[in-house]
């Protein structure tokens, strides 16, 4: 297990394998859709970023999509269905940043991470990044990400329960 993952898992109170899967999905999402400056900064401070992103990609999605009839029936209850439905309304996985973010939350839910766990994970990622990169760098990263997708601001807390600063 990577040092970054171990630190995040401990801070978030998550099983290491779940934390590694979730961080990998987030890293893959950021590598594919994140602002280039954010990704470059993450690579500079989290040397295992690319390995995590590679591991976080599904080789071939096997679950029905949220917009297919079977997908709607199979996921009719729970946070995954809700986030997938909202994501579909906002343009699905191919839509804007909010839709992609909600799709990511749905994937995390499919892996076993509920919304509270997602919030703890986000706070732990920010806190662990602060130990590696410092407050100024992390504040800039959070501002860049939450500026692109305002919904992210609710999950990416300062690592201590406070809302991210916008300065």
Foldseek 3Di string as FASTA:
>chain_A
DAPLLVQLCVQLVHDSVLSLLLLLLVLLLCVVPNDPVLNVVCCVQRVCSVVSVVVNDDPDDDADQLPDPVNCVVPVDDLLNVLSVVLVVQPACPHFPSSVVSNSQSVSVVSPQHPSSQLSSLLSSLVSSCVRPNDVVSLVSQLRSCVRPVVCQVRNDNSPPHGRDND
